[in-house]
Amino acid sequence: QVQLVESGGGLVQPGGSLRLSCAVSGSSFSINAMGWYRQTPGKPRNFVATITSGGWPTYADSVKGRFTISRDNAKKTVYLQMNSLKPEDTAVYYCNTALDATLGRNWGQGTQVTVSS
């Protein structure tokens, strides 16, 4: 069973930046594709970005050019650098393995990101 602990969320003004971290345990982290996802109240959880075991990223169109996903296999941690934040980026952000996200299971507690002036 994979354990996921997200951190780094908070309140930031429009145009600001945040860096989210996700510490992963209980799995062979280096071989798993990992992803970030976000959810607002009453709406389904949406894909934000994924990164393959080899470090190849994919992004949702809404965050391309502003967000950067990365991973440190030695630390078993995946990151999401978020720049030029907009109010519509406000959500609870979750990380997960790409497989578990597809299967809709094993979500962590998430971290709240609020973009507001």
Protein backbone atom coordinates (compact mmCIF):
# COMPACT_ATOMS: atom_id res chain seq x y z
CA GLN A 1 0.00 0.00 0.00
CA VAL A 2 1.36 3.38 -1.04
CA GLN A 3 1.24 6.19 1.52
CA LEU A 4 1.14 9.76 0.26
CA VAL A 5 1.64 12.97 2.24
CA GLU A 6 1.10 16.26 0.41
CA SER A 7 2.35 19.57 1.75
CA GLY A 8 3.16 23.12 0.71
CA GLY A 9 -0.28 24.55 0.10
CA GLY A 10 -1.47 27.88 1.40
CA LEU A 11 -2.91 31.27 0.57
CA VAL A 12 -1.20 33.22 -2.19
CA GLN A 13 -2.06 36.31 -4.20
CA PRO A 14 -2.76 36.11 -7.94
CA GLY A 15 0.53 36.01 -9.82
CA GLY A 16 2.30 34.38 -6.91
CA SER A 17 4.04 31.02 -6.60
CA LEU A 18 3.87 27.92 -4.46
CA ARG A 19 5.78 24.65 -4.42
CA LEU A 20 3.91 21.53 -3.44
CA SER A 21 5.65 18.38 -2.20
CA CYS A 22 4.43 14.81 -1.98
CA ALA A 23 6.35 12.31 0.13
CA VAL A 24 5.75 8.71 -0.91
CA SER A 25 6.37 5.56 1.08
CA GLY A 26 5.47 1.91 0.80
CA SER A 27 6.18 1.48 -2.88
CA SER A 28 8.89 1.15 -5.46
CA PHE A 29 8.70 4.88 -6.08
CA SER A 30 11.27 5.05 -8.84
CA ILE A 31 9.32 2.79 -11.18
CA ASN A 32 5.96 4.51 -10.78
CA ALA A 33 4.60 7.31 -12.89
CA MET A 34 3.36 9.97 -10.47
CA GLY A 35 0.81 12.71 -10.86
CA TRP A 36 -0.80 15.76 -9.34
CA TYR A 37 -4.56 16.25 -9.40
CA ARG A 38 -6.90 18.90 -8.02
CA GLN A 39 -10.47 19.16 -6.87
CA THR A 40 -12.89 21.94 -6.00
CA PRO A 41 -16.09 21.43 -3.97
CA GLY A 42 -18.83 19.65 -5.89
CA LYS A 43 -16.63 18.87 -8.87
CA PRO A 44 -14.65 15.80 -9.90
CA ARG A 45 -10.94 15.53 -9.31
CA ASN A 46 -9.01 16.66 -12.39
CA PHE A 47 -5.61 15.87 -13.82
CA VAL A 48 -2.97 18.58 -13.44
CA ALA A 49 0.34 16.95 -14.36
CA THR A 50 2.09 13.60 -14.47
CA ILE A 51 5.71 12.55 -14.66
CA THR A 52 7.00 9.18 -15.82
CA SER A 53 9.60 7.14 -13.99
CA GLY A 54 12.13 8.55 -16.45
CA GLY A 55 11.13 12.14 -15.76
CA TRP A 56 8.95 12.87 -18.81
CA PRO A 57 6.19 15.34 -17.88
CA THR A 58 2.68 15.87 -19.18
CA TYR A 59 0.46 18.84 -18.29
CA ALA A 60 -3.15 19.86 -18.46
CA ASP A 61 -3.63 22.68 -20.96
CA SER A 62 -4.78 25.00 -18.18
CA VAL A 63 -1.42 24.86 -16.41
CA LYS A 64 1.05 24.52 -19.28
CA GLY A 65 3.81 27.09 -19.08
CA ARG A 66 2.99 27.93 -15.45
CA PHE A 67 3.39 24.66 -13.52
CA THR A 68 6.38 22.30 -13.45
CA ILE A 69 6.30 18.76 -12.12
CA SER A 70 9.50 17.09 -10.98
CA ARG A 71 10.62 14.16 -8.89
CA ASP A 72 13.51 13.12 -6.67
CA ASN A 73 13.70 9.34 -6.69
CA ALA A 74 16.30 9.26 -3.91
CA LYS A 75 13.95 11.19 -1.62
CA LYS A 76 10.81 9.44 -2.93
CA THR A 77 9.23 12.84 -3.42
CA VAL A 78 7.35 14.47 -6.26
CA TYR A 79 7.02 18.24 -6.55
CA LEU A 80 4.74 20.71 -8.27
CA GLN A 81 6.15 24.20 -8.80
CA MET A 82 3.26 26.56 -9.48
CA ASN A 83 3.96 30.01 -10.88
CA SER A 84 1.71 32.80 -12.13
CA LEU A 85 -1.11 31.46 -10.02
CA LYS A 86 -4.68 32.42 -10.87
CA PRO A 87 -7.84 32.37 -8.73
CA GLU A 88 -9.09 29.45 -10.82
CA ASP A 89 -6.14 27.39 -9.55
CA THR A 90 -7.78 27.38 -6.12
CA ALA A 91 -8.41 23.75 -5.17
CA VAL A 92 -7.28 20.89 -2.98
CA TYR A 93 -4.25 19.35 -4.65
CA TYR A 94 -3.53 15.64 -4.42
CA CYS A 95 -0.69 13.46 -5.60
CA ASN A 96 -0.95 9.80 -6.48
CA THR A 97 0.60 7.15 -8.61
CA ALA A 98 -0.77 7.45 -12.11
CA LEU A 99 -2.16 3.91 -11.88
CA ASP A 100 -4.01 4.48 -8.60
CA ALA A 101 -5.36 7.78 -9.88
CA THR A 102 -6.76 5.99 -12.93
CA LEU A 103 -8.35 3.38 -10.67
CA GLY A 104 -9.69 6.05 -8.31
CA ARG A 105 -8.09 4.70 -5.18
CA ASN A 106 -5.60 5.43 -2.40
CA TRP A 107 -5.91 9.20 -2.24
CA GLY A 108 -4.10 11.12 0.50
CA GLN A 109 -5.42 14.06 2.47
CA GLY A 110 -4.40 16.65 -0.11
CA THR A 111 -3.18 20.18 0.44
CA GLN A 112 -5.32 23.29 0.03
CA VAL A 113 -4.19 25.99 -2.39
CA THR A 114 -6.09 29.27 -2.31
CA VAL A 115 -5.32 32.05 -4.78
CA SER A 116 -6.95 35.27 -3.71
CA SER A 117 -6.20 38.93 -3.19
